[in-house]
């Protein structure tokens, strides 16, 4: 959609939260950032943090990984820590920092999770500075998510969908299914694309042990994810029950 200058491109990723206990896009977002950095794009990450998070082991691991991958990591304190986690996570410090940045510093601003203050701040600043904006919606532009909540909440989501649709240069979905659903929600096809979540190999040769089979162990099914109706875990359980009966 955009032609970049011949100098090394610069990308800013804005993430509302990386705390694995809250449910921030810790793995998918950072694997994406690492993939972009390894492709030769100068990458920086701005993360909104809550009290005590920067002393947690997972944050230190994040710092180590960013340092290893030559990714600059920046943290901005949440402005209303008493609000429940992921309730927009407002950060005045992030807004002030954006205002101070000179024009031309970034070729692309990539914001995660539209229903957060950090994504809204990044979007406003990108539009005002005429910087191409990419958004990873994490399925919130699908009909399932847009239909959740009371009438007022659904109305606000509809307004937000149209605003982000106008502001974004590119909306990156995680699958063709999500992209088709987002298109049906009213987003322009020309602004939609999809890419599976990046998988980054960081293991040394021989570090991953070969799985060992246990004779007579039978069928084993693992599920990793939150228990939400959209995950259709009930269908998985019913399918397993049918297999066992047969």
Protein backbone atom coordinates (compact mmCIF):
# COMPACT_ATOMS: atom_id res chain seq x y z
CA UNK A 1 0.00 0.00 0.00
CA UNK A 2 2.94 2.32 0.60
CA UNK A 3 6.42 2.68 -0.85
CA UNK A 4 9.08 3.07 1.80
CA UNK A 5 12.28 5.12 1.54
CA UNK A 6 15.56 3.43 0.64
CA UNK A 7 16.92 3.84 4.20
CA UNK A 8 16.23 1.13 6.73
CA UNK A 9 12.52 1.13 7.58
CA UNK A 10 11.40 1.81 11.13
CA UNK A 11 8.39 0.21 12.78
CA UNK A 12 6.71 1.06 16.09
CA UNK A 13 4.52 -1.60 17.70
CA UNK A 14 2.07 -0.35 20.33
CA UNK A 15 0.77 -3.02 22.73
CA UNK A 16 -1.74 -2.38 25.50
CA UNK A 17 -0.49 -5.09 27.87
CA UNK A 18 2.00 -7.96 27.94
CA UNK A 19 1.05 -9.51 31.27
CA UNK A 20 0.31 -13.22 30.65
CA UNK A 21 -2.00 -13.32 33.68
CA UNK A 22 -4.21 -10.61 32.14
CA UNK A 23 -4.18 -12.00 28.64
CA UNK A 24 -2.09 -9.53 26.69
CA UNK A 25 -0.83 -10.68 23.24
CA UNK A 26 2.47 -11.72 24.80
CA UNK A 27 3.39 -14.49 22.37
CA UNK A 28 1.75 -13.53 19.08
CA UNK A 29 2.69 -9.83 19.20
CA UNK A 30 6.30 -10.39 20.21
CA UNK A 31 6.83 -13.18 17.69
CA UNK A 32 5.55 -10.78 15.05
CA UNK A 33 7.91 -8.05 16.25
CA UNK A 34 10.86 -10.44 16.24
CA UNK A 35 10.01 -11.62 12.73
CA UNK A 36 9.90 -8.04 11.47
CA UNK A 37 13.20 -7.20 13.21
CA UNK A 38 14.91 -10.25 11.73
CA UNK A 39 13.70 -9.14 8.30
CA UNK A 40 15.81 -5.99 8.69
CA UNK A 41 13.20 -3.51 9.95
CA UNK A 42 14.28 -1.30 12.83
CA UNK A 43 11.70 -2.21 15.45
CA UNK A 44 10.56 -0.54 18.66
CA UNK A 45 7.86 -1.65 21.09
CA UNK A 46 5.76 0.60 23.34
CA UNK A 47 3.97 -1.28 26.11
CA UNK A 48 1.54 0.03 28.75
CA UNK A 49 2.43 -1.38 32.17
CA UNK A 50 0.57 -1.60 35.46
CA UNK A 51 2.11 -1.23 38.97
CA UNK A 52 4.53 -4.01 39.83
CA UNK A 53 4.69 -5.56 36.37
CA UNK A 54 8.21 -4.39 35.54
CA UNK A 55 9.61 -6.36 38.48
CA UNK A 56 7.90 -9.59 37.41
CA UNK A 57 9.93 -12.46 35.91
CA UNK A 58 7.97 -12.34 32.66
CA UNK A 59 8.94 -8.69 32.14
CA UNK A 60 12.62 -9.45 32.69
CA UNK A 61 12.31 -12.25 30.14
CA UNK A 62 10.73 -9.77 27.74
CA UNK A 63 13.61 -7.31 28.26
CA UNK A 64 16.17 -10.06 27.63
CA UNK A 65 14.44 -11.15 24.45
CA UNK A 66 14.17 -7.61 23.08
CA UNK A 67 17.83 -6.99 23.81
CA UNK A 68 18.81 -10.23 22.06
CA UNK A 69 16.73 -9.36 18.99
CA UNK A 70 17.85 -5.69 18.82
CA UNK A 71 14.34 -4.45 19.57
CA UNK A 72 13.97 -1.31 21.65
CA UNK A 73 11.47 -1.83 24.48
CA UNK A 74 9.70 1.17 26.01
CA UNK A 75 7.26 1.10 28.94
CA UNK A 76 4.55 3.63 29.81
CA UNK A 77 2.63 3.53 33.11
CA UNK A 78 -1.12 3.11 33.04
CA UNK A 79 -2.93 6.26 34.11
CA UNK A 80 -5.73 4.59 36.08
CA UNK A 81 -4.29 1.49 37.79
CA UNK A 82 -7.44 0.96 39.84
CA UNK A 83 -9.47 0.22 36.75
CA UNK A 84 -9.86 -3.46 36.01
CA UNK A 85 -7.14 -4.82 33.78
CA UNK A 86 -7.64 -4.35 30.03
CA UNK A 87 -10.35 -1.72 30.64
CA UNK A 88 -8.86 0.56 27.98
CA UNK A 89 -5.58 0.87 29.95
CA UNK A 90 -5.29 4.67 29.55
CA UNK A 91 -1.72 6.01 29.62
CA UNK A 92 -1.28 9.80 29.50
CA UNK A 93 2.48 9.20 29.45
CA UNK A 94 2.15 7.33 26.15
CA UNK A 95 0.10 10.17 24.65
CA UNK A 96 2.65 12.79 25.78
CA UNK A 97 5.49 10.72 24.37
CA UNK A 98 3.76 10.48 20.99
CA UNK A 99 3.28 14.25 20.87
CA UNK A 100 7.03 14.83 21.41
CA UNK A 101 8.15 12.54 18.58
CA UNK A 102 9.53 14.21 15.50
CA UNK A 103 7.99 13.68 12.09
CA UNK A 104 9.60 10.98 9.99
CA UNK A 105 10.86 8.90 12.90
CA UNK A 106 8.62 5.95 12.02
CA UNK A 107 7.61 4.59 8.64
CA UNK A 108 4.83 2.46 10.12
CA UNK A 109 2.90 2.42 13.38
CA UNK A 110 1.42 -0.98 14.19
CA UNK A 111 -1.18 -1.04 16.98
CA UNK A 112 -2.62 -4.09 18.72
CA UNK A 113 -6.09 -4.59 20.26
CA UNK A 114 -8.46 -1.82 19.00
CA UNK A 115 -10.68 -1.62 22.11
CA UNK A 116 -7.84 -0.19 24.22
CA UNK A 117 -6.67 3.35 24.86
CA UNK A 118 -3.17 2.60 23.60
CA UNK A 119 -4.50 1.61 20.17
CA UNK A 120 -6.73 4.72 20.07
CA UNK A 121 -3.77 6.95 21.00
CA UNK A 122 -1.54 5.35 18.37
CA UNK A 123 -4.27 5.72 15.75
CA UNK A 124 -4.85 9.40 16.47
CA UNK A 125 -1.13 10.17 16.35
CA UNK A 126 -0.61 8.18 13.16
CA UNK A 127 -3.44 10.03 11.44
CA UNK A 128 -2.22 13.45 12.62
CA UNK A 129 1.34 12.72 11.49
CA UNK A 130 0.21 11.04 8.23
CA UNK A 131 2.05 7.83 9.15
CA UNK A 132 0.77 4.54 7.68
CA UNK A 133 -1.13 2.64 10.37
CA UNK A 134 -1.47 -1.12 10.65
CA UNK A 135 -3.86 -2.69 13.15
CA UNK A 136 -3.98 -6.24 14.46
CA UNK A 137 -7.56 -6.56 15.76
CA UNK A 138 -7.30 -10.00 17.42
CA UNK A 139 -10.77 -10.92 16.14
CA UNK A 140 -12.61 -7.97 17.69
CA UNK A 141 -13.87 -6.86 14.27
CA UNK A 142 -15.80 -10.11 13.80
CA UNK A 143 -19.58 -10.31 14.06
CA UNK A 144 -19.29 -12.46 17.21
CA UNK A 145 -17.40 -9.77 19.12
CA UNK A 146 -19.32 -6.82 17.71
CA UNK A 147 -22.58 -8.40 18.89
CA UNK A 148 -21.41 -8.82 22.49
CA UNK A 149 -22.54 -6.43 25.23
CA UNK A 150 -25.46 -4.11 25.86
CA UNK A 151 -26.93 -1.84 23.18
CA UNK A 152 -24.72 1.12 24.07
CA UNK A 153 -21.58 -0.99 23.99
CA UNK A 154 -22.50 -2.47 20.63
CA UNK A 155 -23.20 1.02 19.30
CA UNK A 156 -19.79 2.26 20.44
CA UNK A 157 -18.12 -0.74 18.84
CA UNK A 158 -19.85 0.05 15.56
CA UNK A 159 -18.57 3.63 15.67
CA UNK A 160 -15.08 2.40 16.53
CA UNK A 161 -15.14 -0.11 13.69
CA UNK A 162 -15.88 2.60 11.14
CA UNK A 163 -13.29 4.97 12.63
CA UNK A 164 -10.52 2.38 12.60
CA UNK A 165 -11.57 1.28 9.14
CA UNK A 166 -11.03 4.81 7.83
CA UNK A 167 -7.77 5.44 9.73
CA UNK A 168 -5.93 2.18 9.08
CA UNK A 169 -3.82 1.58 6.00
CA UNK A 170 -3.85 -2.14 6.71
CA UNK A 171 -5.81 -4.43 9.05
CA UNK A 172 -3.97 -7.68 9.68
CA UNK A 173 -6.20 -10.62 10.59
CA UNK A 174 -4.91 -13.95 11.87
CA UNK A 175 -6.74 -16.19 9.40
CA UNK A 176 -8.79 -16.08 6.19
CA UNK A 177 -11.88 -16.85 8.28
CA UNK A 178 -11.34 -13.79 10.48
CA UNK A 179 -10.65 -11.62 7.43
CA UNK A 180 -13.87 -12.73 5.72
CA UNK A 181 -15.85 -12.03 8.88
CA UNK A 182 -14.26 -8.58 9.21
CA UNK A 183 -15.18 -7.84 5.59
CA UNK A 184 -18.79 -8.80 6.30
CA UNK A 185 -18.73 -6.41 9.26
CA UNK A 186 -18.18 -3.53 6.82
CA UNK A 187 -14.41 -3.13 6.47
CA UNK A 188 -12.99 -2.49 3.02
CA UNK A 189 -11.47 -5.54 1.33
CA UNK A 190 -8.57 -3.41 0.07
CA UNK A 191 -7.51 -2.71 3.65
CA UNK A 192 -7.75 -6.29 4.87
CA UNK A 193 -5.10 -8.98 4.80
CA UNK A 194 -4.29 -12.02 6.88
CA UNK A 195 -1.20 -13.74 8.21
CA UNK A 196 -1.00 -16.63 10.60
CA UNK A 197 0.67 -15.80 13.90
CA UNK A 198 4.42 -15.96 13.47
CA UNK A 199 6.31 -18.88 15.00
CA UNK A 200 9.87 -17.96 15.89
CA UNK A 201 12.48 -20.69 16.41
CA UNK A 202 14.62 -19.78 19.42
CA UNK A 203 15.69 -23.26 20.49
CA UNK A 204 19.25 -24.47 20.22
CA UNK A 205 19.80 -27.69 18.21
CA UNK A 206 18.85 -30.69 20.32
CA UNK A 207 17.19 -28.57 23.00
CA UNK A 208 13.72 -29.96 22.29
CA UNK A 209 13.39 -33.54 23.49
CA UNK A 210 11.64 -36.09 21.31
CA UNK A 211 8.20 -37.01 22.66
CA UNK A 212 8.01 -40.51 24.10
CA UNK A 213 4.95 -42.69 23.53
CA UNK A 214 3.38 -44.46 26.49
CA UNK A 215 2.00 -47.88 25.53
CA UNK A 216 -1.70 -48.18 26.20
CA UNK A 217 -2.10 -44.50 27.07
CA UNK A 218 -5.10 -44.11 24.78
CA UNK A 219 -6.45 -40.85 23.37
CA UNK A 220 -5.06 -37.63 24.85
CA UNK A 221 -6.31 -34.19 23.88
CA UNK A 222 -4.79 -30.91 24.99
CA UNK A 223 -6.44 -27.49 24.82
CA UNK A 224 -4.58 -24.25 25.38
CA UNK A 225 -6.76 -21.14 25.47
CA UNK A 226 -9.38 -19.31 27.44
CA UNK A 227 -12.82 -20.76 28.11
CA UNK A 228 -14.95 -18.52 25.92
CA UNK A 229 -17.97 -19.46 23.77
CA UNK A 230 -16.13 -18.32 20.63
CA UNK A 231 -13.50 -21.04 21.19
CA UNK A 232 -16.16 -23.76 20.75
CA UNK A 233 -14.63 -26.00 23.40
CA UNK A 234 -18.05 -27.64 23.85
CA UNK A 235 -17.86 -28.95 20.28
CA UNK A 236 -14.45 -30.46 21.01
CA UNK A 237 -15.79 -32.21 24.11
CA UNK A 238 -18.82 -33.53 22.22
CA UNK A 239 -16.60 -34.77 19.40
CA UNK A 240 -14.34 -36.62 21.82
CA UNK A 241 -17.37 -38.20 23.48
CA UNK A 242 -18.59 -39.46 20.10
CA UNK A 243 -15.15 -40.91 19.30
CA UNK A 244 -15.00 -42.70 22.63
CA UNK A 245 -18.48 -44.20 22.20
CA UNK A 246 -17.62 -45.44 18.74
